[in-house]
Amino acid sequence: MHMAWQYMIWALIQEFILQSFFYTRFEELFGSSRAVWVTATLFAAVHLPNVILMTFTLIAGLFFCEMFRRSRSIYLLGLVHALLGLTLSAAVPTDLLYHLRVGIGFLR
């Protein structure tokens, strides 16, 4: 349970960075529809080289960015991100997701 709270906080931090920093800047550059795609692609790329997790995060990123575009609510988004992440973690075998490792940790 303690880990779930940590992940909920981490999900909120991720959404704050992704939406408040990146999405808003991409929206100014490309418009809101393209910003959704660019930001979601960036979110997926951060999960390199875990291709399976990248696929999940691209789809989730599109959903999260579209949610933010419509609501501008980081708190709601952080909660949804946390619930989806925890559900994915519980429902999909850890071996399939490589224990959710990304970056250099994935290569171990």
PDB file of N, CA and C in Angstrom:
ATOM      1  N   MET A   1       0.817  -1.200   0.000  1.00  0.00           N
ATOM      2  CA  MET A   1       0.000   0.000   0.000  1.00  0.00           C
ATOM      3  C   MET A   1       0.857   1.258   0.000  1.00  0.00           C
ATOM      4  N   HIS A   2       1.968   1.207   0.725  1.00  0.00           N
ATOM      5  CA  HIS A   2       2.876   2.349   0.761  1.00  0.00           C
ATOM      6  C   HIS A   2       3.390   2.676  -0.638  1.00  0.00           C
ATOM      7  N   MET A   3       3.700   1.635  -1.417  1.00  0.00           N
ATOM      8  CA  MET A   3       4.192   1.833  -2.778  1.00  0.00           C
ATOM      9  C   MET A   3       3.115   2.461  -3.661  1.00  0.00           C
ATOM     10  N   ALA A   4       1.863   2.140  -3.413  1.00  0.00           N
ATOM     11  CA  ALA A   4       0.770   2.715  -4.194  1.00  0.00           C
ATOM     12  C   ALA A   4       0.710   4.225  -3.986  1.00  0.00           C
ATOM     13  N   TRP A   5       0.860   4.687  -2.756  1.00  0.00           N
ATOM     14  CA  TRP A   5       0.866   6.128  -2.482  1.00  0.00           C
ATOM     15  C   TRP A   5       2.047   6.808  -3.152  1.00  0.00           C
ATOM     16  N   GLN A   6       3.203   6.160  -3.106  1.00  0.00           N
ATOM     17  CA  GLN A   6       4.382   6.721  -3.773  1.00  0.00           C
ATOM     18  C   GLN A   6       4.133   6.852  -5.270  1.00  0.00           C
ATOM     19  N   TYR A   7       3.534   5.814  -5.861  1.00  0.00           N
ATOM     20  CA  TYR A   7       3.255   5.873  -7.295  1.00  0.00           C
ATOM     21  C   TYR A   7       2.226   6.953  -7.608  1.00  0.00           C
ATOM     22  N   MET A   8       1.235   7.131  -6.750  1.00  0.00           N
ATOM     23  CA  MET A   8       0.235   8.176  -6.982  1.00  0.00           C
ATOM     24  C   MET A   8       0.884   9.557  -7.005  1.00  0.00           C
ATOM     25  N   ILE A   9       1.808   9.782  -6.099  1.00  0.00           N
ATOM     26  CA  ILE A   9       2.533  11.061  -6.081  1.00  0.00           C
ATOM     27  C   ILE A   9       3.400  11.188  -7.324  1.00  0.00           C
ATOM     28  N   TRP A  10       4.081  10.096  -7.708  1.00  0.00           N
ATOM     29  CA  TRP A  10       4.936  10.108  -8.894  1.00  0.00           C
ATOM     30  C   TRP A  10       4.097  10.364 -10.156  1.00  0.00           C
ATOM     31  N   ALA A  11       2.915   9.773 -10.242  1.00  0.00           N
ATOM     32  CA  ALA A  11       2.033   9.992 -11.391  1.00  0.00           C
ATOM     33  C   ALA A  11       1.631  11.465 -11.481  1.00  0.00           C
ATOM     34  N   LEU A  12       1.326  12.079 -10.354  1.00  0.00           N
ATOM     35  CA  LEU A  12       0.971  13.497 -10.336  1.00  0.00           C
ATOM     36  C   LEU A  12       2.152  14.354 -10.787  1.00  0.00           C
ATOM     37  N   ILE A  13       3.347  14.033 -10.326  1.00  0.00           N
ATOM     38  CA  ILE A  13       4.549  14.771 -10.739  1.00  0.00           C
ATOM     39  C   ILE A  13       4.768  14.625 -12.242  1.00  0.00           C
ATOM     40  N   GLN A  14       4.625  13.397 -12.752  1.00  0.00           N
ATOM     41  CA  GLN A  14       4.796  13.172 -14.190  1.00  0.00           C
ATOM     42  C   GLN A  14       3.811  14.012 -14.997  1.00  0.00           C
ATOM     43  N   GLU A  15       2.569  14.024 -14.572  1.00  0.00           N
ATOM     44  CA  GLU A  15       1.558  14.796 -15.297  1.00  0.00           C
ATOM     45  C   GLU A  15       1.820  16.293 -15.201  1.00  0.00           C
ATOM     46  N   PHE A  16       2.275  16.749 -14.065  1.00  0.00           N
ATOM     47  CA  PHE A  16       2.605  18.166 -13.937  1.00  0.00           C
ATOM     48  C   PHE A  16       3.695  18.543 -14.936  1.00  0.00           C
ATOM     49  N   ILE A  17       4.753  17.746 -14.990  1.00  0.00           N
ATOM     50  CA  ILE A  17       5.855  18.030 -15.918  1.00  0.00           C
ATOM     51  C   ILE A  17       5.379  17.916 -17.362  1.00  0.00           C
ATOM     52  N   LEU A  18       4.711  16.818 -17.664  1.00  0.00           N
ATOM     53  CA  LEU A  18       4.295  16.555 -19.037  1.00  0.00           C
ATOM     54  C   LEU A  18       3.312  17.605 -19.541  1.00  0.00           C
ATOM     55  N   GLN A  19       2.294  17.896 -18.768  1.00  0.00           N
ATOM     56  CA  GLN A  19       1.236  18.791 -19.239  1.00  0.00           C
ATOM     57  C   GLN A  19       1.575  20.266 -19.027  1.00  0.00           C
ATOM     58  N   SER A  20       1.953  20.613 -17.800  1.00  0.00           N
ATOM     59  CA  SER A  20       2.174  22.030 -17.485  1.00  0.00           C
ATOM     60  C   SER A  20       3.416  22.589 -18.155  1.00  0.00           C
ATOM     61  N   PHE A  21       4.402  21.758 -18.357  1.00  0.00           N
ATOM     62  CA  PHE A  21       5.618  22.245 -19.006  1.00  0.00           C
ATOM     63  C   PHE A  21       5.592  21.967 -20.507  1.00  0.00           C
ATOM     64  N   PHE A  22       5.532  20.685 -20.882  1.00  0.00           N
ATOM     65  CA  PHE A  22       5.674  20.340 -22.298  1.00  0.00           C
ATOM     66  C   PHE A  22       4.424  20.626 -23.122  1.00  0.00           C
ATOM     67  N   TYR A  23       3.267  20.119 -22.692  1.00  0.00           N
ATOM     68  CA  TYR A  23       2.063  20.297 -23.505  1.00  0.00           C
ATOM     69  C   TYR A  23       1.776  21.774 -23.764  1.00  0.00           C
ATOM     70  N   THR A  24       1.839  22.589 -22.739  1.00  0.00           N
ATOM     71  CA  THR A  24       1.498  24.009 -22.926  1.00  0.00           C
ATOM     72  C   THR A  24       2.434  24.688 -23.923  1.00  0.00           C
ATOM     73  N   ARG A  25       3.704  24.304 -23.911  1.00  0.00           N
ATOM     74  CA  ARG A  25       4.650  24.885 -24.870  1.00  0.00           C
ATOM     75  C   ARG A  25       4.412  24.358 -26.280  1.00  0.00           C
ATOM     76  N   PHE A  26       4.165  23.055 -26.393  1.00  0.00           N
ATOM     77  CA  PHE A  26       3.870  22.480 -27.706  1.00  0.00           C
ATOM     78  C   PHE A  26       2.562  23.033 -28.260  1.00  0.00           C
ATOM     79  N   GLU A  27       1.616  23.318 -27.386  1.00  0.00           N
ATOM     80  CA  GLU A  27       0.340  23.887 -27.821  1.00  0.00           C
ATOM     81  C   GLU A  27       0.555  25.261 -28.453  1.00  0.00           C
ATOM     82  N   GLU A  28       1.428  26.056 -27.868  1.00  0.00           N
ATOM     83  CA  GLU A  28       1.744  27.364 -28.442  1.00  0.00           C
ATOM     84  C   GLU A  28       2.406  27.228 -29.810  1.00  0.00           C
ATOM     85  N   LEU A  29       3.267  26.223 -29.947  1.00  0.00           N
ATOM     86  CA  LEU A  29       4.001  26.025 -31.201  1.00  0.00           C
ATOM     87  C   LEU A  29       3.165  25.385 -32.300  1.00  0.00           C
ATOM     88  N   PHE A  30       2.388  24.356 -31.949  1.00  0.00           N
ATOM     89  CA  PHE A  30       1.743  23.517 -32.955  1.00  0.00           C
ATOM     90  C   PHE A  30       0.219  23.557 -32.953  1.00  0.00           C
ATOM     91  N   GLY A  31      -0.388  24.175 -31.958  1.00  0.00           N
ATOM     92  CA  GLY A  31      -1.836  24.095 -31.803  1.00  0.00           C
ATOM     93  C   GLY A  31      -2.187  22.910 -30.913  1.00  0.00           C
ATOM     94  N   SER A  32      -3.415  22.883 -30.422  1.00  0.00           N
ATOM     95  CA  SER A  32      -3.756  21.900 -29.390  1.00  0.00           C
ATOM     96  C   SER A  32      -3.805  20.459 -29.889  1.00  0.00           C
ATOM     97  N   SER A  33      -4.321  20.208 -31.087  1.00  0.00           N
ATOM     98  CA  SER A  33      -4.413  18.825 -31.575  1.00  0.00           C
ATOM     99  C   SER A  33      -3.042  18.211 -31.811  1.00  0.00           C
ATOM    100  N   ARG A  34      -2.170  18.938 -32.466  1.00  0.00           N
ATOM    101  CA  ARG A  34      -0.815  18.419 -32.694  1.00  0.00           C
ATOM    102  C   ARG A  34      -0.044  18.310 -31.393  1.00  0.00           C
ATOM    103  N   ALA A  35      -0.281  19.221 -30.481  1.00  0.00           N
ATOM    104  CA  ALA A  35       0.412  19.176 -29.186  1.00  0.00           C
ATOM    105  C   ALA A  35       0.073  17.897 -28.432  1.00  0.00           C
ATOM    106  N   VAL A  36      -1.153  17.413 -28.566  1.00  0.00           N
ATOM    107  CA  VAL A  36      -1.541  16.146 -27.939  1.00  0.00           C
ATOM    108  C   VAL A  36      -0.637  15.037 -28.454  1.00  0.00           C
ATOM    109  N   TRP A  37      -0.474  14.943 -29.770  1.00  0.00           N
ATOM    110  CA  TRP A  37       0.351  13.885 -30.374  1.00  0.00           C
ATOM    111  C   TRP A  37       1.825  14.034 -30.033  1.00  0.00           C
ATOM    112  N   VAL A  38       2.340  15.246 -30.111  1.00  0.00           N
ATOM    113  CA  VAL A  38       3.768  15.465 -29.832  1.00  0.00           C
ATOM    114  C   VAL A  38       4.080  15.150 -28.370  1.00  0.00           C
ATOM    115  N   THR A  39       3.241  15.609 -27.471  1.00  0.00           N
ATOM    116  CA  THR A  39       3.470  15.372 -26.045  1.00  0.00           C
ATOM    117  C   THR A  39       3.335  13.892 -25.701  1.00  0.00           C
ATOM    118  N   ALA A  40       2.341  13.226 -26.259  1.00  0.00           N
ATOM    119  CA  ALA A  40       2.161  11.787 -26.009  1.00  0.00           C
ATOM    120  C   ALA A  40       3.344  10.986 -26.549  1.00  0.00           C
ATOM    121  N   THR A  41       3.860  11.383 -27.700  1.00  0.00           N
ATOM    122  CA  THR A  41       5.030  10.709 -28.274  1.00  0.00           C
ATOM    123  C   THR A  41       6.250  10.916 -27.388  1.00  0.00           C
ATOM    124  N   LEU A  42       6.412  12.109 -26.861  1.00  0.00           N
ATOM    125  CA  LEU A  42       7.504  12.376 -25.926  1.00  0.00           C
ATOM    126  C   LEU A  42       7.358  11.510 -24.676  1.00  0.00           C
ATOM    127  N   PHE A  43       6.153  11.402 -24.162  1.00  0.00           N
ATOM    128  CA  PHE A  43       5.890  10.571 -22.982  1.00  0.00           C
ATOM    129  C   PHE A  43       6.268   9.119 -23.255  1.00  0.00           C
ATOM    130  N   ALA A  44       5.925   8.616 -24.426  1.00  0.00           N
ATOM    131  CA  ALA A  44       6.293   7.242 -24.793  1.00  0.00           C
ATOM    132  C   ALA A  44       7.807   7.104 -24.930  1.00  0.00           C
ATOM    133  N   ALA A  45       8.455   8.085 -25.532  1.00  0.00           N
ATOM    134  CA  ALA A  45       9.906   8.025 -25.747  1.00  0.00           C
ATOM    135  C   ALA A  45      10.680   7.977 -24.434  1.00  0.00           C
ATOM    136  N   VAL A  46      10.151   8.587 -23.399  1.00  0.00           N
ATOM    137  CA  VAL A  46      10.810   8.570 -22.090  1.00  0.00           C
ATOM    138  C   VAL A  46      10.877   7.149 -21.537  1.00  0.00           C
ATOM    139  N   HIS A  47      10.039   6.261 -22.054  1.00  0.00           N
ATOM    140  CA  HIS A  47      10.006   4.881 -21.576  1.00  0.00           C
ATOM    141  C   HIS A  47      10.871   3.937 -22.412  1.00  0.00           C
ATOM    142  N   LEU A  48      11.741   4.506 -23.240  1.00  0.00           N
ATOM    143  CA  LEU A  48      12.705   3.703 -24.011  1.00  0.00           C
ATOM    144  C   LEU A  48      13.597   2.918 -23.073  1.00  0.00           C
ATOM    145  N   PRO A  49      14.103   1.783 -23.432  1.00  0.00           N
ATOM    146  CA  PRO A  49      13.845   0.978 -24.627  1.00  0.00           C
ATOM    147  C   PRO A  49      12.786  -0.096 -24.395  1.00  0.00           C
ATOM    148  N   ASN A  50      11.919   0.068 -23.406  1.00  0.00           N
ATOM    149  CA  ASN A  50      10.878  -0.913 -23.102  1.00  0.00           C
ATOM    150  C   ASN A  50       9.719  -0.713 -24.086  1.00  0.00           C
ATOM    151  N   VAL A  51       9.775  -1.411 -25.221  1.00  0.00           N
ATOM    152  CA  VAL A  51       8.827  -1.204 -26.312  1.00  0.00           C
ATOM    153  C   VAL A  51       7.386  -1.485 -25.884  1.00  0.00           C
ATOM    154  N   ILE A  52       7.182  -2.495 -25.088  1.00  0.00           N
ATOM    155  CA  ILE A  52       5.819  -2.808 -24.638  1.00  0.00           C
ATOM    156  C   ILE A  52       5.274  -1.672 -23.779  1.00  0.00           C
ATOM    157  N   LEU A  53       6.077  -1.188 -22.859  1.00  0.00           N
ATOM    158  CA  LEU A  53       5.653  -0.071 -22.017  1.00  0.00           C
ATOM    159  C   LEU A  53       5.493   1.204 -22.849  1.00  0.00           C
ATOM    160  N   MET A  54       6.342   1.379 -23.854  1.00  0.00           N
ATOM    161  CA  MET A  54       6.208   2.541 -24.743  1.00  0.00           C
ATOM    162  C   MET A  54       4.860   2.529 -25.462  1.00  0.00           C
ATOM    163  N   THR A  55       4.425   1.357 -25.877  1.00  0.00           N
ATOM    164  CA  THR A  55       3.132   1.239 -26.556  1.00  0.00           C
ATOM    165  C   THR A  55       1.995   1.636 -25.617  1.00  0.00           C
ATOM    166  N   PHE A  56       2.027   1.090 -24.409  1.00  0.00           N
ATOM    167  CA  PHE A  56       1.015   1.459 -23.412  1.00  0.00           C
ATOM    168  C   PHE A  56       1.052   2.960 -23.123  1.00  0.00           C
ATOM    169  N   THR A  57       2.250   3.517 -22.965  1.00  0.00           N
ATOM    170  CA  THR A  57       2.345   4.928 -22.585  1.00  0.00           C
ATOM    171  C   THR A  57       1.988   5.865 -23.732  1.00  0.00           C
ATOM    172  N   LEU A  58       2.177   5.437 -24.972  1.00  0.00           N
ATOM    173  CA  LEU A  58       1.722   6.270 -26.090  1.00  0.00           C
ATOM    174  C   LEU A  58       0.198   6.375 -26.067  1.00  0.00           C
ATOM    175  N   ILE A  59      -0.458   5.245 -25.909  1.00  0.00           N
ATOM    176  CA  ILE A  59      -1.930   5.238 -25.860  1.00  0.00           C
ATOM    177  C   ILE A  59      -2.429   6.026 -24.644  1.00  0.00           C
ATOM    178  N   ALA A  60      -1.832   5.761 -23.495  1.00  0.00           N
ATOM    179  CA  ALA A  60      -2.224   6.492 -22.282  1.00  0.00           C
ATOM    180  C   ALA A  60      -1.904   7.975 -22.420  1.00  0.00           C
ATOM    181  N   GLY A  61      -0.753   8.286 -23.007  1.00  0.00           N
ATOM    182  CA  GLY A  61      -0.359   9.678 -23.196  1.00  0.00           C
ATOM    183  C   GLY A  61      -1.344  10.439 -24.064  1.00  0.00           C
ATOM    184  N   LEU A  62      -1.834   9.798 -25.119  1.00  0.00           N
ATOM    185  CA  LEU A  62      -2.850  10.443 -25.959  1.00  0.00           C
ATOM    186  C   LEU A  62      -4.105  10.742 -25.142  1.00  0.00           C
ATOM    187  N   PHE A  63      -4.497   9.782 -24.330  1.00  0.00           N
ATOM    188  CA  PHE A  63      -5.667   9.962 -23.467  1.00  0.00           C
ATOM    189  C   PHE A  63      -5.418  11.070 -22.442  1.00  0.00           C
ATOM    190  N   PHE A  64      -4.271  11.032 -21.773  1.00  0.00           N
ATOM    191  CA  PHE A  64      -3.956  12.032 -20.746  1.00  0.00           C
ATOM    192  C   PHE A  64      -3.897  13.437 -21.344  1.00  0.00           C
ATOM    193  N   CYS A  65      -3.225  13.559 -22.478  1.00  0.00           N
ATOM    194  CA  CYS A  65      -3.086  14.886 -23.094  1.00  0.00           C
ATOM    195  C   CYS A  65      -4.428  15.428 -23.571  1.00  0.00           C
ATOM    196  N   GLU A  66      -5.251  14.556 -24.126  1.00  0.00           N
ATOM    197  CA  GLU A  66      -6.583  14.998 -24.552  1.00  0.00           C
ATOM    198  C   GLU A  66      -7.421  15.404 -23.339  1.00  0.00           C
ATOM    199  N   MET A  67      -7.297  14.644 -22.257  1.00  0.00           N
ATOM    200  CA  MET A  67      -7.991  15.005 -21.014  1.00  0.00           C
ATOM    201  C   MET A  67      -7.540  16.378 -20.519  1.00  0.00           C
ATOM    202  N   PHE A  68      -6.232  16.606 -20.556  1.00  0.00           N
ATOM    203  CA  PHE A  68      -5.707  17.892 -20.104  1.00  0.00           C
ATOM    204  C   PHE A  68      -6.161  19.016 -21.032  1.00  0.00           C
ATOM    205  N   ARG A  69      -6.159  18.754 -22.333  1.00  0.00           N
ATOM    206  CA  ARG A  69      -6.583  19.768 -23.303  1.00  0.00           C
ATOM    207  C   ARG A  69      -8.010  20.222 -23.006  1.00  0.00           C
ATOM    208  N   ARG A  70      -8.851  19.285 -22.601  1.00  0.00           N
ATOM    209  CA  ARG A  70     -10.255  19.604 -22.340  1.00  0.00           C
ATOM    210  C   ARG A  70     -10.511  20.157 -20.942  1.00  0.00           C
ATOM    211  N   SER A  71      -9.792  19.645 -19.942  1.00  0.00           N
ATOM    212  CA  SER A  71     -10.138  19.996 -18.554  1.00  0.00           C
ATOM    213  C   SER A  71      -9.135  20.909 -17.854  1.00  0.00           C
ATOM    214  N   ARG A  72      -7.878  20.839 -18.265  1.00  0.00           N
ATOM    215  CA  ARG A  72      -6.775  21.576 -17.619  1.00  0.00           C
ATOM    216  C   ARG A  72      -6.651  21.236 -16.136  1.00  0.00           C
ATOM    217  N   SER A  73      -7.042  20.039 -15.754  1.00  0.00           N
ATOM    218  CA  SER A  73      -6.971  19.619 -14.356  1.00  0.00           C
ATOM    219  C   SER A  73      -5.828  18.629 -14.145  1.00  0.00           C
ATOM    220  N   ILE A  74      -4.756  19.088 -13.532  1.00  0.00           N
ATOM    221  CA  ILE A  74      -3.607  18.226 -13.245  1.00  0.00           C
ATOM    222  C   ILE A  74      -3.962  17.207 -12.162  1.00  0.00           C
ATOM    223  N   TYR A  75      -4.749  17.598 -11.186  1.00  0.00           N
ATOM    224  CA  TYR A  75      -5.080  16.690 -10.083  1.00  0.00           C
ATOM    225  C   TYR A  75      -5.914  15.505 -10.559  1.00  0.00           C
ATOM    226  N   LEU A  76      -6.930  15.773 -11.353  1.00  0.00           N
ATOM    227  CA  LEU A  76      -7.739  14.697 -11.917  1.00  0.00           C
ATOM    228  C   LEU A  76      -6.868  13.784 -12.786  1.00  0.00           C
ATOM    229  N   LEU A  77      -6.023  14.382 -13.579  1.00  0.00           N
ATOM    230  CA  LEU A  77      -5.133  13.627 -14.459  1.00  0.00           C
ATOM    231  C   LEU A  77      -4.154  12.764 -13.677  1.00  0.00           C
ATOM    232  N   GLY A  78      -3.596  13.312 -12.615  1.00  0.00           N
ATOM    233  CA  GLY A  78      -2.685  12.542 -11.770  1.00  0.00           C
ATOM    234  C   GLY A  78      -3.373  11.339 -11.162  1.00  0.00           C
ATOM    235  N   LEU A  79      -4.618  11.516 -10.738  1.00  0.00           N
ATOM    236  CA  LEU A  79      -5.388  10.413 -10.165  1.00  0.00           C
ATOM    237  C   LEU A  79      -5.669   9.334 -11.215  1.00  0.00           C
ATOM    238  N   VAL A  80      -6.109   9.744 -12.393  1.00  0.00           N
ATOM    239  CA  VAL A  80      -6.392   8.785 -13.469  1.00  0.00           C
ATOM    240  C   VAL A  80      -5.116   8.064 -13.886  1.00  0.00           C
ATOM    241  N   HIS A  81      -4.018   8.799 -14.029  1.00  0.00           N
ATOM    242  CA  HIS A  81      -2.720   8.210 -14.378  1.00  0.00           C
ATOM    243  C   HIS A  81      -2.330   7.163 -13.342  1.00  0.00           C
ATOM    244  N   ALA A  82      -2.456   7.501 -12.076  1.00  0.00           N
ATOM    245  CA  ALA A  82      -2.092   6.568 -11.004  1.00  0.00           C
ATOM    246  C   ALA A  82      -2.974   5.323 -11.033  1.00  0.00           C
ATOM    247  N   LEU A  83      -4.271   5.506 -11.187  1.00  0.00           N
ATOM    248  CA  LEU A  83      -5.176   4.356 -11.215  1.00  0.00           C
ATOM    249  C   LEU A  83      -4.903   3.446 -12.411  1.00  0.00           C
ATOM    250  N   LEU A  84      -4.664   4.039 -13.577  1.00  0.00           N
ATOM    251  CA  LEU A  84      -4.346   3.225 -14.755  1.00  0.00           C
ATOM    252  C   LEU A  84      -3.009   2.507 -14.588  1.00  0.00           C
ATOM    253  N   GLY A  85      -2.018   3.218 -14.072  1.00  0.00           N
ATOM    254  CA  GLY A  85      -0.704   2.610 -13.863  1.00  0.00           C
ATOM    255  C   GLY A  85      -0.740   1.475 -12.857  1.00  0.00           C
ATOM    256  N   LEU A  86      -1.443   1.680 -11.764  1.00  0.00           N
ATOM    257  CA  LEU A  86      -1.553   0.632 -10.747  1.00  0.00           C
ATOM    258  C   LEU A  86      -2.351  -0.565 -11.266  1.00  0.00           C
ATOM    259  N   THR A  87      -3.385  -0.291 -12.048  1.00  0.00           N
ATOM    260  CA  THR A  87      -4.171  -1.372 -12.645  1.00  0.00           C
ATOM    261  C   THR A  87      -3.324  -2.171 -13.630  1.00  0.00           C
ATOM    262  N   LEU A  88      -2.579  -1.478 -14.466  1.00  0.00           N
ATOM    263  CA  LEU A  88      -1.686  -2.146 -15.419  1.00  0.00           C
ATOM    264  C   LEU A  88      -0.666  -3.001 -14.691  1.00  0.00           C
ATOM    265  N   SER A  89      -0.091  -2.443 -13.664  1.00  0.00           N
ATOM    266  CA  SER A  89       0.916  -3.160 -12.885  1.00  0.00           C
ATOM    267  C   SER A  89       0.341  -4.417 -12.235  1.00  0.00           C
ATOM    268  N   ALA A  90      -0.904  -4.348 -11.783  1.00  0.00           N
ATOM    269  CA  ALA A  90      -1.534  -5.498 -11.133  1.00  0.00           C
ATOM    270  C   ALA A  90      -2.052  -6.525 -12.137  1.00  0.00           C
ATOM    271  N   ALA A  91      -2.461  -6.065 -13.317  1.00  0.00           N
ATOM    272  CA  ALA A  91      -3.120  -6.950 -14.278  1.00  0.00           C
ATOM    273  C   ALA A  91      -2.174  -7.651 -15.248  1.00  0.00           C
ATOM    274  N   VAL A  92      -1.046  -7.025 -15.544  1.00  0.00           N
ATOM    275  CA  VAL A  92      -0.120  -7.573 -16.542  1.00  0.00           C
ATOM    276  C   VAL A  92       1.070  -8.182 -15.817  1.00  0.00           C
ATOM    277  N   PRO A  93       1.456  -9.395 -16.196  1.00  0.00           N
ATOM    278  CA  PRO A  93       2.612 -10.027 -15.542  1.00  0.00           C
ATOM    279  C   PRO A  93       3.867  -9.151 -15.630  1.00  0.00           C
ATOM    280  N   THR A  94       4.589  -9.053 -14.526  1.00  0.00           N
ATOM    281  CA  THR A  94       5.773  -8.185 -14.487  1.00  0.00           C
ATOM    282  C   THR A  94       6.823  -8.601 -15.502  1.00  0.00           C
ATOM    283  N   ASP A  95       6.910  -9.890 -15.806  1.00  0.00           N
ATOM    284  CA  ASP A  95       7.884 -10.334 -16.808  1.00  0.00           C
ATOM    285  C   ASP A  95       7.571  -9.765 -18.188  1.00  0.00           C
ATOM    286  N   LEU A  96       6.296  -9.620 -18.502  1.00  0.00           N
ATOM    287  CA  LEU A  96       5.900  -9.066 -19.792  1.00  0.00           C
ATOM    288  C   LEU A  96       6.280  -7.594 -19.900  1.00  0.00           C
ATOM    289  N   LEU A  97       6.172  -6.873 -18.799  1.00  0.00           N
ATOM    290  CA  LEU A  97       6.498  -5.439 -18.790  1.00  0.00           C
ATOM    291  C   LEU A  97       7.933  -5.166 -18.340  1.00  0.00           C
ATOM    292  N   TYR A  98       8.714  -6.231 -18.178  1.00  0.00           N
ATOM    293  CA  TYR A  98      10.109  -6.099 -17.730  1.00  0.00           C
ATOM    294  C   TYR A  98      10.188  -5.325 -16.418  1.00  0.00           C
ATOM    295  N   HIS A  99       9.273  -5.648 -15.507  1.00  0.00           N
ATOM    296  CA  HIS A  99       9.229  -5.033 -14.172  1.00  0.00           C
ATOM    297  C   HIS A  99       9.129  -3.504 -14.243  1.00  0.00           C
ATOM    298  N   LEU A 100       8.526  -3.002 -15.303  1.00  0.00           N
ATOM    299  CA  LEU A 100       8.319  -1.562 -15.540  1.00  0.00           C
ATOM    300  C   LEU A 100       9.635  -0.790 -15.635  1.00  0.00           C
ATOM    301  N   ARG A 101      10.691  -1.458 -15.979  1.00  0.00           N
ATOM    302  CA  ARG A 101      11.996  -0.794 -16.094  1.00  0.00           C
ATOM    303  C   ARG A 101      12.082  -0.012 -17.399  1.00  0.00           C
ATOM    304  N   VAL A 102      12.759   1.118 -17.322  1.00  0.00           N
ATOM    305  CA  VAL A 102      13.033   1.942 -18.499  1.00  0.00           C
ATOM    306  C   VAL A 102      14.471   2.429 -18.408  1.00  0.00           C
ATOM    307  N   GLY A 103      14.961   2.995 -19.498  1.00  0.00           N
ATOM    308  CA  GLY A 103      16.310   3.551 -19.506  1.00  0.00           C
ATOM    309  C   GLY A 103      17.367   2.508 -19.220  1.00  0.00           C
ATOM    310  N   ILE A 104      18.405   2.909 -18.513  1.00  0.00           N
ATOM    311  CA  ILE A 104      19.525   2.024 -18.213  1.00  0.00           C
ATOM    312  C   ILE A 104      19.090   0.848 -17.348  1.00  0.00           C
ATOM    313  N   GLY A 105      18.080   1.045 -16.497  1.00  0.00           N
ATOM    314  CA  GLY A 105      17.568  -0.037 -15.662  1.00  0.00           C
ATOM    315  C   GLY A 105      16.970  -1.171 -16.472  1.00  0.00           C
ATOM    316  N   PHE A 106      16.470  -0.873 -17.659  1.00  0.00           N
ATOM    317  CA  PHE A 106      15.897  -1.894 -18.528  1.00  0.00           C
ATOM    318  C   PHE A 106      16.979  -2.836 -19.045  1.00  0.00           C
ATOM    319  N   LEU A 107      18.171  -2.326 -19.244  1.00  0.00           N
ATOM    320  CA  LEU A 107      19.249  -3.097 -19.850  1.00  0.00           C
ATOM    321  C   LEU A 107      19.916  -4.057 -18.887  1.00  0.00           C
ATOM    322  N   ARG A 108      19.596  -3.981 -17.615  1.00  0.00           N
ATOM    323  CA  ARG A 108      20.203  -4.887 -16.630  1.00  0.00           C
ATOM    324  C   ARG A 108      19.669  -6.269 -16.752  1.00  0.00           C
TER     325      ARG A 108
END
